[in-house]
Amino acid sequence: MFLLSSSLLAACGSEQKESSSNSSPKTQQVSGHKTTAQEKGTDKKAQSKHKKSSANSKQLEINYDDYQLKDQKDYTADFTDESWVDTKVVIDKVEIDQVAAQEYDSANDGTFDVNGFVRLHMSVTPTRDINFYPTQGTAIYNDGQQQEATGNESWDGEIAKDATKDGWISFPVKELNNVTDLTSIRLKFTADYDTDNYEDDAAYQDYDLTLDLK
């Protein structure tokens, strides 16, 4: 009897151990690898694919809003102005974009529908420290439309002596039936430099430039 009880106890103990062993959580394996360029978001192939996709979708981004691009005309410009304190201003590209009619939220004129945008590429090289504000300028088109810059570019402002800064300036177009409808663009903006001489009339400049599109 004693032997039987001992056997039963041993069997029970063995079952408890086995049950305890089976109920314990299983350890899962973890593998590791060096972070890939795709995981970092720096995969050039992936970026190239994204750019290609964006190009195929033909969208124009202005002030973080996407506009469906219908047509586009590019002009190579050859405009240089050095009339103000030898500051070299160059406009080398003009782009006319026709978009599907969409609401546009302007800085000072509320919201209105636009059918296109005018974009100018400009560079500036001053011979002294200046403040330069073409991205806050105004454009007047040959058909009488007058529009303020979109303000989504911010490459201008304070520019140091002998430095060169460049960027785009964008303007909305309310009416645009064809990209060739615009034949001239008048551009107005301001610039200045700091001085203690209150009689220095050259300290403030009102730029008034006209581009003829041919």
N, C-alpha and C. Protein backbone atom coordinates (compact mmCIF):
# COMPACT_ATOMS: atom_id res chain seq x y z
N MET A 1 0.83 -1.20 0.00
CA MET A 1 0.00 0.00 0.00
C MET A 1 0.85 1.23 0.00
N PHE A 2 1.85 1.20 0.78
CA PHE A 2 2.77 2.33 0.85
C PHE A 2 3.45 2.56 -0.49
N LEU A 3 3.82 1.45 -1.13
CA LEU A 3 4.48 1.56 -2.42
C LEU A 3 3.54 2.15 -3.47
N LEU A 4 2.27 1.74 -3.39
CA LEU A 4 1.28 2.26 -4.34
C LEU A 4 1.07 3.75 -4.15
N SER A 5 0.98 4.16 -2.90
CA SER A 5 0.81 5.59 -2.61
C SER A 5 2.00 6.38 -3.07
N SER A 6 3.16 5.84 -2.88
CA SER A 6 4.37 6.54 -3.32
C SER A 6 4.39 6.70 -4.83
N SER A 7 3.93 5.63 -5.51
CA SER A 7 3.91 5.71 -6.97
C SER A 7 2.91 6.75 -7.45
N LEU A 8 1.76 6.76 -6.75
CA LEU A 8 0.75 7.76 -7.12
C LEU A 8 1.25 9.17 -6.88
N LEU A 9 1.91 9.38 -5.76
CA LEU A 9 2.46 10.71 -5.45
C LEU A 9 3.51 11.12 -6.47
N ALA A 10 4.33 10.16 -6.85
CA ALA A 10 5.39 10.46 -7.82
C ALA A 10 4.78 10.82 -9.16
N ALA A 11 3.72 10.06 -9.52
CA ALA A 11 3.05 10.34 -10.80
C ALA A 11 2.41 11.70 -10.80
N CYS A 12 1.74 12.02 -9.67
CA CYS A 12 1.10 13.34 -9.54
C CYS A 12 2.13 14.45 -9.62
N GLY A 13 3.26 14.24 -8.95
CA GLY A 13 4.32 15.25 -8.97
C GLY A 13 4.86 15.45 -10.36
N SER A 14 4.99 14.33 -11.08
CA SER A 14 5.49 14.42 -12.45
C SER A 14 4.53 15.18 -13.34
N GLU A 15 3.20 14.90 -13.15
CA GLU A 15 2.19 15.61 -13.95
C GLU A 15 2.16 17.10 -13.64
N GLN A 16 2.34 17.46 -12.34
CA GLN A 16 2.34 18.87 -11.95
C GLN A 16 3.52 19.60 -12.58
N LYS A 17 4.67 18.92 -12.59
CA LYS A 17 5.85 19.55 -13.19
C LYS A 17 5.66 19.76 -14.67
N GLU A 18 5.06 18.70 -15.31
CA GLU A 18 4.83 18.79 -16.75
C GLU A 18 3.82 19.87 -17.08
N SER A 19 2.76 19.93 -16.23
CA SER A 19 1.73 20.96 -16.42
C SER A 19 2.32 22.34 -16.22
N SER A 20 3.15 22.48 -15.18
CA SER A 20 3.80 23.76 -14.91
C SER A 20 4.70 24.17 -16.05
N SER A 21 5.40 23.16 -16.60
CA SER A 21 6.31 23.44 -17.71
C SER A 21 5.55 23.86 -18.95
N ASN A 22 4.38 23.19 -19.19
CA ASN A 22 3.60 23.50 -20.39
C ASN A 22 2.91 24.86 -20.29
N SER A 23 2.57 25.30 -19.07
CA SER A 23 1.85 26.56 -18.90
C SER A 23 2.76 27.77 -18.92
N SER A 24 4.05 27.60 -18.83
CA SER A 24 4.98 28.73 -18.85
C SER A 24 5.02 29.33 -20.25
N PRO A 25 5.13 30.68 -20.38
CA PRO A 25 5.11 31.32 -21.70
C PRO A 25 6.31 30.89 -22.55
N LYS A 26 6.03 30.70 -23.84
CA LYS A 26 7.11 30.31 -24.74
C LYS A 26 7.95 31.53 -25.11
N THR A 27 9.24 31.36 -25.19
CA THR A 27 10.15 32.44 -25.57
C THR A 27 10.24 32.51 -27.08
N GLN A 28 9.92 33.70 -27.66
CA GLN A 28 9.98 33.90 -29.10
C GLN A 28 11.34 34.46 -29.48
N GLN A 29 11.79 34.12 -30.66
CA GLN A 29 13.08 34.61 -31.13
C GLN A 29 12.92 36.00 -31.75
N VAL A 30 13.91 36.85 -31.58
CA VAL A 30 13.93 38.19 -32.16
C VAL A 30 15.15 38.30 -33.06
N SER A 31 14.93 38.69 -34.29
CA SER A 31 16.05 38.89 -35.20
C SER A 31 16.27 40.38 -35.41
N GLY A 32 17.44 40.77 -35.81
CA GLY A 32 17.76 42.18 -36.02
C GLY A 32 18.53 42.39 -37.31
N HIS A 33 18.52 43.62 -37.79
CA HIS A 33 19.29 43.96 -38.98
C HIS A 33 19.59 45.45 -38.98
N LYS A 34 20.54 45.83 -39.79
CA LYS A 34 20.88 47.24 -39.92
C LYS A 34 19.73 47.96 -40.61
N THR A 35 19.32 49.12 -40.07
CA THR A 35 18.19 49.87 -40.64
C THR A 35 18.46 50.19 -42.10
N THR A 36 17.51 49.83 -42.96
CA THR A 36 17.69 50.03 -44.39
C THR A 36 17.36 51.46 -44.79
N ALA A 37 17.80 51.83 -46.00
CA ALA A 37 17.52 53.17 -46.52
C ALA A 37 16.03 53.39 -46.69
N GLN A 38 15.31 52.33 -47.06
CA GLN A 38 13.86 52.44 -47.23
C GLN A 38 13.18 52.73 -45.90
N GLU A 39 13.68 52.05 -44.82
CA GLU A 39 13.10 52.27 -43.50
C GLU A 39 13.42 53.67 -42.98
N LYS A 40 14.59 54.20 -43.38
CA LYS A 40 14.96 55.56 -42.98
C LYS A 40 14.21 56.61 -43.79
N GLY A 41 13.65 56.19 -44.92
CA GLY A 41 12.99 57.15 -45.81
C GLY A 41 13.95 57.83 -46.75
N THR A 42 15.15 57.23 -46.92
CA THR A 42 16.17 57.84 -47.79
C THR A 42 16.45 56.98 -49.01
N ASP A 43 15.57 56.04 -49.30
CA ASP A 43 15.74 55.17 -50.45
C ASP A 43 15.55 55.98 -51.73
N LYS A 44 16.64 56.16 -52.49
CA LYS A 44 16.59 56.99 -53.69
C LYS A 44 15.65 56.42 -54.74
N LYS A 45 15.60 55.09 -54.82
CA LYS A 45 14.69 54.48 -55.79
C LYS A 45 13.25 54.77 -55.44
N ALA A 46 12.95 54.67 -54.14
CA ALA A 46 11.58 54.96 -53.69
C ALA A 46 11.24 56.42 -53.91
N GLN A 47 12.22 57.31 -53.63
CA GLN A 47 11.99 58.74 -53.83
C GLN A 47 11.78 59.04 -55.30
N SER A 48 12.59 58.37 -56.15
CA SER A 48 12.47 58.58 -57.59
C SER A 48 11.11 58.13 -58.08
N LYS A 49 10.63 56.99 -57.54
CA LYS A 49 9.31 56.49 -57.92
C LYS A 49 8.23 57.47 -57.49
N HIS A 50 8.40 58.08 -56.29
CA HIS A 50 7.42 59.04 -55.80
C HIS A 50 7.40 60.29 -56.68
N LYS A 51 8.61 60.76 -57.06
CA LYS A 51 8.69 61.94 -57.90
C LYS A 51 8.05 61.68 -59.26
N LYS A 52 8.31 60.47 -59.79
CA LYS A 52 7.74 60.12 -61.08
C LYS A 52 6.23 60.07 -61.00
N SER A 53 5.73 59.52 -59.90
CA SER A 53 4.29 59.45 -59.70
C SER A 53 3.69 60.84 -59.61
N SER A 54 4.39 61.75 -58.88
CA SER A 54 3.91 63.12 -58.74
C SER A 54 3.89 63.82 -60.09
N ALA A 55 4.94 63.56 -60.90
CA ALA A 55 5.02 64.19 -62.21
C ALA A 55 3.89 63.70 -63.11
N ASN A 56 3.61 62.39 -63.02
CA ASN A 56 2.55 61.83 -63.85
C ASN A 56 1.18 62.36 -63.45
N SER A 57 1.01 62.68 -62.17
CA SER A 57 -0.28 63.17 -61.70
C SER A 57 -0.50 64.62 -62.12
N LYS A 58 0.56 65.32 -62.53
CA LYS A 58 0.49 66.68 -63.03
C LYS A 58 -0.24 67.60 -62.06
N GLN A 59 0.31 67.70 -60.87
CA GLN A 59 -0.25 68.59 -59.87
C GLN A 59 0.76 69.68 -59.53
N LEU A 60 0.23 70.86 -59.24
CA LEU A 60 1.05 71.99 -58.85
C LEU A 60 0.71 72.33 -57.40
N GLU A 61 1.74 72.39 -56.55
CA GLU A 61 1.49 72.69 -55.14
C GLU A 61 1.76 74.17 -54.86
N ILE A 62 0.75 74.86 -54.36
CA ILE A 62 0.86 76.27 -53.98
C ILE A 62 0.27 76.42 -52.59
N ASN A 63 1.05 76.96 -51.67
CA ASN A 63 0.57 77.15 -50.29
C ASN A 63 -0.02 75.87 -49.70
N TYR A 64 0.66 74.76 -49.95
CA TYR A 64 0.28 73.44 -49.42
C TYR A 64 -1.03 72.91 -50.01
N ASP A 65 -1.55 73.55 -51.04
CA ASP A 65 -2.72 73.05 -51.74
C ASP A 65 -2.30 72.53 -53.11
N ASP A 66 -2.90 71.43 -53.54
CA ASP A 66 -2.59 70.85 -54.84
C ASP A 66 -3.60 71.32 -55.88
N TYR A 67 -3.09 71.75 -57.03
CA TYR A 67 -3.93 72.19 -58.14
C TYR A 67 -3.67 71.27 -59.33
N GLN A 68 -4.75 70.86 -59.98
CA GLN A 68 -4.63 69.97 -61.12
C GLN A 68 -4.10 70.74 -62.33
N LEU A 69 -2.92 70.36 -62.79
CA LEU A 69 -2.26 71.07 -63.89
C LEU A 69 -2.84 70.62 -65.23
N LYS A 70 -3.32 71.58 -66.02
CA LYS A 70 -3.90 71.28 -67.33
C LYS A 70 -2.90 71.54 -68.45
N ASP A 71 -2.14 72.62 -68.32
CA ASP A 71 -1.17 72.97 -69.36
C ASP A 71 -0.09 73.84 -68.74
N GLN A 72 1.07 73.87 -69.39
CA GLN A 72 2.20 74.62 -68.85
C GLN A 72 3.06 75.13 -70.00
N LYS A 73 3.52 76.36 -69.87
CA LYS A 73 4.44 76.92 -70.87
C LYS A 73 5.62 77.55 -70.15
N ASP A 74 6.83 77.17 -70.58
CA ASP A 74 8.05 77.68 -69.97
C ASP A 74 8.75 78.65 -70.92
N TYR A 75 9.26 79.72 -70.34
CA TYR A 75 10.04 80.70 -71.09
C TYR A 75 11.43 80.82 -70.48
N THR A 76 12.43 80.94 -71.33
CA THR A 76 13.77 81.25 -70.86
C THR A 76 13.95 82.76 -70.92
N ALA A 77 14.19 83.37 -69.79
CA ALA A 77 14.31 84.83 -69.71
C ALA A 77 15.78 85.24 -69.66
N ASP A 78 16.02 86.45 -70.07
CA ASP A 78 17.37 87.00 -70.04
C ASP A 78 17.28 88.44 -69.53
N PHE A 79 16.84 88.57 -68.28
CA PHE A 79 16.63 89.89 -67.70
C PHE A 79 17.60 90.12 -66.56
N THR A 80 18.32 91.23 -66.61
CA THR A 80 19.25 91.61 -65.54
C THR A 80 19.08 93.08 -65.22
N ASP A 81 19.04 93.40 -63.93
CA ASP A 81 18.91 94.79 -63.49
C ASP A 81 19.93 95.05 -62.38
N GLU A 82 20.69 96.13 -62.54
CA GLU A 82 21.67 96.53 -61.52
C GLU A 82 21.53 98.01 -61.19
N SER A 83 20.31 98.53 -61.30
CA SER A 83 20.08 99.96 -61.16
C SER A 83 20.14 100.46 -59.72
N TRP A 84 19.95 99.57 -58.75
CA TRP A 84 19.92 100.01 -57.35
C TRP A 84 21.17 99.53 -56.61
N VAL A 85 22.01 100.46 -56.21
CA VAL A 85 23.26 100.24 -55.47
C VAL A 85 23.99 98.98 -55.95
N ASP A 86 24.05 98.82 -57.26
CA ASP A 86 24.77 97.70 -57.90
C ASP A 86 24.28 96.32 -57.47
N THR A 87 23.04 96.25 -57.01
CA THR A 87 22.45 94.94 -56.69
C THR A 87 22.07 94.25 -57.99
N LYS A 88 22.61 93.06 -58.20
CA LYS A 88 22.35 92.34 -59.44
C LYS A 88 21.11 91.46 -59.29
N VAL A 89 20.08 91.81 -60.04
CA VAL A 89 18.82 91.05 -60.03
C VAL A 89 18.67 90.37 -61.38
N VAL A 90 18.50 89.06 -61.36
CA VAL A 90 18.38 88.28 -62.60
C VAL A 90 17.09 87.47 -62.58
N ILE A 91 16.32 87.57 -63.65
CA ILE A 91 15.16 86.69 -63.86
C ILE A 91 15.49 85.83 -65.07
N ASP A 92 15.59 84.51 -64.86
CA ASP A 92 16.02 83.64 -65.95
C ASP A 92 14.96 82.64 -66.42
N LYS A 93 13.86 82.54 -65.66
CA LYS A 93 12.80 81.60 -66.06
C LYS A 93 11.43 82.19 -65.76
N VAL A 94 10.50 81.95 -66.66
CA VAL A 94 9.10 82.31 -66.45
C VAL A 94 8.26 81.08 -66.77
N GLU A 95 7.32 80.78 -65.90
CA GLU A 95 6.47 79.60 -66.09
C GLU A 95 5.01 80.02 -65.99
N ILE A 96 4.23 79.66 -66.99
CA ILE A 96 2.79 79.92 -66.98
C ILE A 96 2.08 78.57 -66.80
N ASP A 97 1.31 78.45 -65.74
CA ASP A 97 0.62 77.20 -65.43
C ASP A 97 -0.89 77.40 -65.51
N GLN A 98 -1.54 76.61 -66.33
CA GLN A 98 -3.01 76.61 -66.37
C GLN A 98 -3.49 75.43 -65.53
N VAL A 99 -4.40 75.70 -64.60
CA VAL A 99 -4.91 74.65 -63.71
C VAL A 99 -6.42 74.56 -63.82
N ALA A 100 -6.96 73.44 -63.37
CA ALA A 100 -8.42 73.31 -63.28
C ALA A 100 -8.93 74.31 -62.25
N ALA A 101 -10.04 74.96 -62.57
CA ALA A 101 -10.58 75.99 -61.68
C ALA A 101 -10.72 75.47 -60.25
N GLN A 102 -10.17 76.24 -59.33
CA GLN A 102 -10.17 75.83 -57.92
C GLN A 102 -10.12 77.07 -57.04
N GLU A 103 -10.68 76.95 -55.85
CA GLU A 103 -10.68 78.07 -54.91
C GLU A 103 -9.28 78.32 -54.37
N TYR A 104 -8.92 79.58 -54.30
CA TYR A 104 -7.60 79.99 -53.81
C TYR A 104 -7.78 80.97 -52.66
N ASP A 105 -7.04 80.76 -51.59
CA ASP A 105 -7.13 81.62 -50.40
C ASP A 105 -5.96 82.59 -50.40
N SER A 106 -6.23 83.85 -50.74
CA SER A 106 -5.17 84.85 -50.84
C SER A 106 -4.86 85.46 -49.48
N ALA A 107 -3.75 86.17 -49.42
CA ALA A 107 -3.33 86.77 -48.16
C ALA A 107 -4.20 87.96 -47.77
N ASN A 108 -4.58 88.80 -48.76
CA ASN A 108 -5.29 90.04 -48.44
C ASN A 108 -6.61 90.23 -49.18
N ASP A 109 -6.87 89.42 -50.19
CA ASP A 109 -8.07 89.62 -51.01
C ASP A 109 -9.11 88.52 -50.82
N GLY A 110 -9.03 87.78 -49.75
CA GLY A 110 -10.02 86.74 -49.50
C GLY A 110 -9.83 85.53 -50.40
N THR A 111 -10.92 84.79 -50.60
CA THR A 111 -10.86 83.60 -51.44
C THR A 111 -11.54 83.88 -52.78
N PHE A 112 -10.99 83.28 -53.83
CA PHE A 112 -11.57 83.40 -55.16
C PHE A 112 -11.07 82.24 -56.01
N ASP A 113 -11.77 81.97 -57.10
CA ASP A 113 -11.38 80.89 -58.00
C ASP A 113 -10.23 81.34 -58.90
N VAL A 114 -9.29 80.44 -59.12
CA VAL A 114 -8.18 80.71 -60.03
C VAL A 114 -8.16 79.66 -61.13
N ASN A 115 -7.59 80.06 -62.26
CA ASN A 115 -7.42 79.14 -63.39
C ASN A 115 -5.96 78.99 -63.79
N GLY A 116 -5.07 79.59 -63.00
CA GLY A 116 -3.66 79.46 -63.33
C GLY A 116 -2.75 80.18 -62.36
N PHE A 117 -1.45 80.04 -62.62
CA PHE A 117 -0.43 80.71 -61.82
C PHE A 117 0.72 81.15 -62.73
N VAL A 118 1.32 82.26 -62.36
CA VAL A 118 2.55 82.73 -63.00
C VAL A 118 3.68 82.53 -62.01
N ARG A 119 4.79 81.94 -62.46
CA ARG A 119 5.93 81.70 -61.57
C ARG A 119 7.20 82.25 -62.22
N LEU A 120 7.92 83.05 -61.46
CA LEU A 120 9.17 83.66 -61.93
C LEU A 120 10.33 83.14 -61.10
N HIS A 121 11.43 82.81 -61.77
CA HIS A 121 12.63 82.39 -61.04
C HIS A 121 13.62 83.55 -61.05
N MET A 122 14.03 83.96 -59.85
CA MET A 122 14.88 85.14 -59.68
C MET A 122 16.09 84.83 -58.81
N SER A 123 17.20 85.51 -59.10
CA SER A 123 18.37 85.47 -58.21
C SER A 123 18.80 86.90 -57.93
N VAL A 124 19.42 87.11 -56.77
CA VAL A 124 19.87 88.45 -56.40
C VAL A 124 21.23 88.37 -55.72
N THR A 125 22.14 89.28 -56.12
CA THR A 125 23.47 89.36 -55.53
C THR A 125 23.75 90.82 -55.19
N PRO A 126 23.71 91.21 -53.93
CA PRO A 126 23.93 92.61 -53.55
C PRO A 126 25.40 92.91 -53.26
N THR A 127 25.75 94.18 -53.35
CA THR A 127 27.11 94.61 -53.01
C THR A 127 27.19 95.17 -51.59
N ARG A 128 26.07 95.10 -50.87
CA ARG A 128 26.00 95.48 -49.47
C ARG A 128 24.84 94.71 -48.84
N ASP A 129 24.77 94.67 -47.54
CA ASP A 129 23.65 93.99 -46.88
C ASP A 129 22.34 94.70 -47.22
N ILE A 130 21.36 93.93 -47.66
CA ILE A 130 20.08 94.53 -48.04
C ILE A 130 18.91 93.69 -47.51
N ASN A 131 17.73 94.29 -47.61
CA ASN A 131 16.46 93.59 -47.37
C ASN A 131 15.70 93.61 -48.69
N PHE A 132 15.27 92.44 -49.13
CA PHE A 132 14.79 92.28 -50.50
C PHE A 132 13.50 91.45 -50.47
N TYR A 133 12.39 91.98 -51.05
CA TYR A 133 11.09 91.35 -50.83
C TYR A 133 10.27 91.07 -52.10
N PRO A 134 10.79 90.39 -53.09
CA PRO A 134 9.97 90.09 -54.27
C PRO A 134 8.83 89.12 -53.99
N THR A 135 8.98 88.23 -52.98
CA THR A 135 7.91 87.27 -52.68
C THR A 135 6.72 87.94 -51.99
N GLN A 136 6.83 89.26 -51.76
CA GLN A 136 5.70 90.04 -51.25
C GLN A 136 5.22 91.04 -52.30
N GLY A 137 5.63 90.79 -53.54
CA GLY A 137 5.37 91.73 -54.61
C GLY A 137 3.99 91.60 -55.25
N THR A 138 3.81 92.39 -56.30
CA THR A 138 2.55 92.43 -57.05
C THR A 138 2.85 92.23 -58.53
N ALA A 139 1.98 91.48 -59.21
CA ALA A 139 2.11 91.28 -60.65
C ALA A 139 0.89 91.85 -61.35
N ILE A 140 1.14 92.52 -62.47
CA ILE A 140 0.06 93.04 -63.31
C ILE A 140 0.24 92.42 -64.69
N TYR A 141 -0.81 91.77 -65.20
CA TYR A 141 -0.72 91.09 -66.48
C TYR A 141 -1.25 91.97 -67.60
N ASN A 142 -0.95 91.60 -68.83
CA ASN A 142 -1.32 92.41 -69.99
C ASN A 142 -2.84 92.58 -70.12
N ASP A 143 -3.63 91.66 -69.53
CA ASP A 143 -5.09 91.78 -69.63
C ASP A 143 -5.69 92.59 -68.49
N GLY A 144 -4.84 93.21 -67.66
CA GLY A 144 -5.33 94.08 -66.60
C GLY A 144 -5.47 93.43 -65.24
N GLN A 145 -5.31 92.14 -65.15
CA GLN A 145 -5.39 91.47 -63.84
C GLN A 145 -4.21 91.90 -62.97
N GLN A 146 -4.48 92.16 -61.71
CA GLN A 146 -3.44 92.52 -60.74
C GLN A 146 -3.56 91.58 -59.54
N GLN A 147 -2.45 90.91 -59.21
CA GLN A 147 -2.49 89.93 -58.13
C GLN A 147 -1.24 90.04 -57.25
N GLU A 148 -1.44 89.75 -55.97
CA GLU A 148 -0.31 89.72 -55.03
C GLU A 148 0.32 88.34 -55.04
N ALA A 149 1.61 88.28 -54.70
CA ALA A 149 2.33 87.01 -54.65
C ALA A 149 1.67 86.07 -53.65
N THR A 150 1.80 84.78 -53.90
CA THR A 150 1.16 83.78 -53.04
C THR A 150 1.77 83.75 -51.65
N GLY A 151 3.05 84.12 -51.54
CA GLY A 151 3.69 84.16 -50.22
C GLY A 151 4.17 82.81 -49.72
N ASN A 152 4.06 81.75 -50.55
CA ASN A 152 4.51 80.44 -50.07
C ASN A 152 6.02 80.26 -50.19
N GLU A 153 6.69 81.15 -50.92
CA GLU A 153 8.15 81.10 -50.97
C GLU A 153 8.74 82.06 -49.94
N SER A 154 9.88 81.71 -49.39
CA SER A 154 10.47 82.56 -48.34
C SER A 154 11.99 82.60 -48.44
N TRP A 155 12.48 82.62 -49.66
CA TRP A 155 13.93 82.61 -49.86
C TRP A 155 14.54 84.01 -49.75
N ASP A 156 13.71 85.04 -49.82
CA ASP A 156 14.24 86.41 -49.81
C ASP A 156 14.30 86.95 -48.39
N GLY A 157 14.28 88.29 -48.25
CA GLY A 157 14.42 88.90 -46.92
C GLY A 157 15.80 89.50 -46.77
N GLU A 158 16.46 89.20 -45.65
CA GLU A 158 17.81 89.72 -45.42
C GLU A 158 18.82 88.96 -46.28
N ILE A 159 19.58 89.70 -47.08
CA ILE A 159 20.59 89.10 -47.94
C ILE A 159 21.91 89.82 -47.70
N ALA A 160 22.94 89.08 -47.38
CA ALA A 160 24.24 89.66 -47.03
C ALA A 160 25.02 90.08 -48.27
N LYS A 161 25.94 90.99 -48.07
CA LYS A 161 26.81 91.48 -49.14
C LYS A 161 27.53 90.33 -49.84
N ASP A 162 27.50 90.34 -51.16
CA ASP A 162 28.17 89.38 -52.04
C ASP A 162 27.58 87.97 -51.98
N ALA A 163 26.53 87.77 -51.21
CA ALA A 163 25.85 86.47 -51.22
C ALA A 163 24.87 86.43 -52.39
N THR A 164 24.60 85.24 -52.89
CA THR A 164 23.60 85.07 -53.95
C THR A 164 22.49 84.17 -53.44
N LYS A 165 21.27 84.68 -53.54
CA LYS A 165 20.10 83.87 -53.16
C LYS A 165 19.15 83.83 -54.35
N ASP A 166 18.47 82.71 -54.49
CA ASP A 166 17.55 82.58 -55.61
C ASP A 166 16.34 81.75 -55.21
N GLY A 167 15.27 81.90 -55.98
CA GLY A 167 14.06 81.15 -55.70
C GLY A 167 12.94 81.57 -56.63
N TRP A 168 11.77 80.96 -56.41
CA TRP A 168 10.61 81.23 -57.24
C TRP A 168 9.67 82.23 -56.57
N ILE A 169 8.94 82.96 -57.40
CA ILE A 169 7.89 83.86 -56.94
C ILE A 169 6.63 83.46 -57.71
N SER A 170 5.54 83.22 -57.00
CA SER A 170 4.32 82.74 -57.64
C SER A 170 3.17 83.73 -57.47
N PHE A 171 2.37 83.86 -58.52
CA PHE A 171 1.21 84.76 -58.51
C PHE A 171 0.00 84.02 -59.09
N PRO A 172 -1.18 84.19 -58.50
CA PRO A 172 -2.38 83.55 -59.06
C PRO A 172 -2.88 84.27 -60.30
N VAL A 173 -3.63 83.55 -61.11
CA VAL A 173 -4.28 84.13 -62.29
C VAL A 173 -5.75 83.71 -62.24
N LYS A 174 -6.63 84.70 -62.17
CA LYS A 174 -8.07 84.38 -62.11
C LYS A 174 -8.57 83.82 -63.43
N GLU A 175 -8.30 84.54 -64.51
CA GLU A 175 -8.80 84.14 -65.82
C GLU A 175 -7.62 83.72 -66.71
N LEU A 176 -7.67 82.49 -67.20
CA LEU A 176 -6.61 82.00 -68.09
C LEU A 176 -7.19 80.89 -68.96
N ASN A 177 -7.59 81.25 -70.17
CA ASN A 177 -8.16 80.27 -71.09
C ASN A 177 -7.08 79.47 -71.80
N ASN A 178 -5.90 80.09 -71.94
CA ASN A 178 -4.79 79.44 -72.63
C ASN A 178 -3.48 79.96 -72.04
N VAL A 179 -2.46 79.11 -71.99
CA VAL A 179 -1.18 79.54 -71.40
C VAL A 179 -0.51 80.64 -72.22
N THR A 180 -0.95 80.84 -73.46
CA THR A 180 -0.37 81.89 -74.29
C THR A 180 -1.13 83.21 -74.18
N ASP A 181 -2.17 83.25 -73.35
CA ASP A 181 -2.95 84.48 -73.19
C ASP A 181 -2.14 85.60 -72.56
N LEU A 182 -1.21 85.25 -71.69
CA LEU A 182 -0.39 86.26 -71.03
C LEU A 182 0.84 86.57 -71.88
N THR A 183 0.98 87.83 -72.25
CA THR A 183 2.09 88.24 -73.10
C THR A 183 3.06 89.18 -72.41
N SER A 184 2.66 89.73 -71.26
CA SER A 184 3.57 90.58 -70.49
C SER A 184 3.22 90.51 -69.01
N ILE A 185 4.24 90.66 -68.19
CA ILE A 185 4.08 90.63 -66.73
C ILE A 185 4.84 91.81 -66.15
N ARG A 186 4.12 92.66 -65.44
CA ARG A 186 4.75 93.78 -64.74
C ARG A 186 4.91 93.38 -63.28
N LEU A 187 6.13 93.48 -62.77
CA LEU A 187 6.44 93.03 -61.42
C LEU A 187 6.87 94.22 -60.56
N LYS A 188 6.20 94.38 -59.41
CA LYS A 188 6.51 95.48 -58.49
C LYS A 188 6.79 94.91 -57.10
N PHE A 189 7.90 95.36 -56.50
CA PHE A 189 8.22 94.95 -55.13
C PHE A 189 9.21 95.95 -54.54
N THR A 190 9.49 95.82 -53.26
CA THR A 190 10.35 96.78 -52.57
C THR A 190 11.63 96.13 -52.04
N ALA A 191 12.59 97.00 -51.76
CA ALA A 191 13.86 96.59 -51.15
C ALA A 191 14.40 97.77 -50.35
N ASP A 192 15.30 97.51 -49.43
CA ASP A 192 15.91 98.60 -48.66
C ASP A 192 17.19 98.12 -48.00
N TYR A 193 17.92 99.05 -47.41
CA TYR A 193 19.07 98.69 -46.58
C TYR A 193 19.09 99.58 -45.35
N ASP A 194 19.71 99.09 -44.29
CA ASP A 194 19.76 99.83 -43.03
C ASP A 194 20.80 100.94 -43.10
N THR A 195 20.44 102.10 -42.59
CA THR A 195 21.36 103.23 -42.55
C THR A 195 20.93 104.22 -41.47
N ASP A 196 21.91 104.93 -40.92
CA ASP A 196 21.62 105.98 -39.93
C ASP A 196 21.47 107.34 -40.59
N ASN A 197 21.72 107.37 -41.89
CA ASN A 197 21.62 108.62 -42.64
C ASN A 197 20.19 108.79 -43.15
N TYR A 198 19.43 109.65 -42.50
CA TYR A 198 18.03 109.84 -42.86
C TYR A 198 17.86 110.58 -44.18
N GLU A 199 18.94 111.12 -44.70
CA GLU A 199 18.88 111.83 -45.98
C GLU A 199 19.32 110.94 -47.14
N ASP A 200 19.57 109.68 -46.85
CA ASP A 200 19.99 108.75 -47.89
C ASP A 200 18.77 108.27 -48.67
N ASP A 201 18.51 108.91 -49.80
CA ASP A 201 17.34 108.57 -50.60
C ASP A 201 17.45 107.19 -51.26
N ALA A 202 18.66 106.67 -51.36
CA ALA A 202 18.85 105.38 -52.01
C ALA A 202 18.55 104.20 -51.10
N ALA A 203 18.28 104.49 -49.82
CA ALA A 203 18.08 103.41 -48.85
C ALA A 203 16.82 102.59 -49.15
N TYR A 204 15.88 103.19 -49.87
CA TYR A 204 14.63 102.49 -50.19
C TYR A 204 14.45 102.43 -51.70
N GLN A 205 14.07 101.26 -52.17
CA GLN A 205 13.92 101.05 -53.61
C GLN A 205 12.57 100.43 -53.94
N ASP A 206 11.88 101.03 -54.91
CA ASP A 206 10.65 100.45 -55.43
C ASP A 206 10.95 99.88 -56.82
N TYR A 207 11.05 98.58 -56.91
CA TYR A 207 11.29 97.94 -58.20
C TYR A 207 10.01 97.92 -59.02
N ASP A 208 10.15 98.21 -60.31
CA ASP A 208 9.02 98.18 -61.24
C ASP A 208 9.56 97.64 -62.57
N LEU A 209 9.40 96.34 -62.78
CA LEU A 209 10.00 95.66 -63.93
C LEU A 209 8.91 95.06 -64.81
N THR A 210 9.14 95.05 -66.11
CA THR A 210 8.18 94.46 -67.05
C THR A 210 8.87 93.40 -67.90
N LEU A 211 8.25 92.23 -67.96
CA LEU A 211 8.76 91.13 -68.77
C LEU A 211 7.83 90.90 -69.94
N ASP A 212 8.37 90.90 -71.16
CA ASP A 212 7.59 90.62 -72.37
C ASP A 212 7.80 89.16 -72.75
N LEU A 213 6.72 88.42 -72.83
CA LEU A 213 6.79 86.99 -73.16
C LEU A 213 6.63 86.80 -74.66
N LYS A 214 7.62 86.18 -75.26
CA LYS A 214 7.59 86.00 -76.73
C LYS A 214 7.75 84.52 -77.08
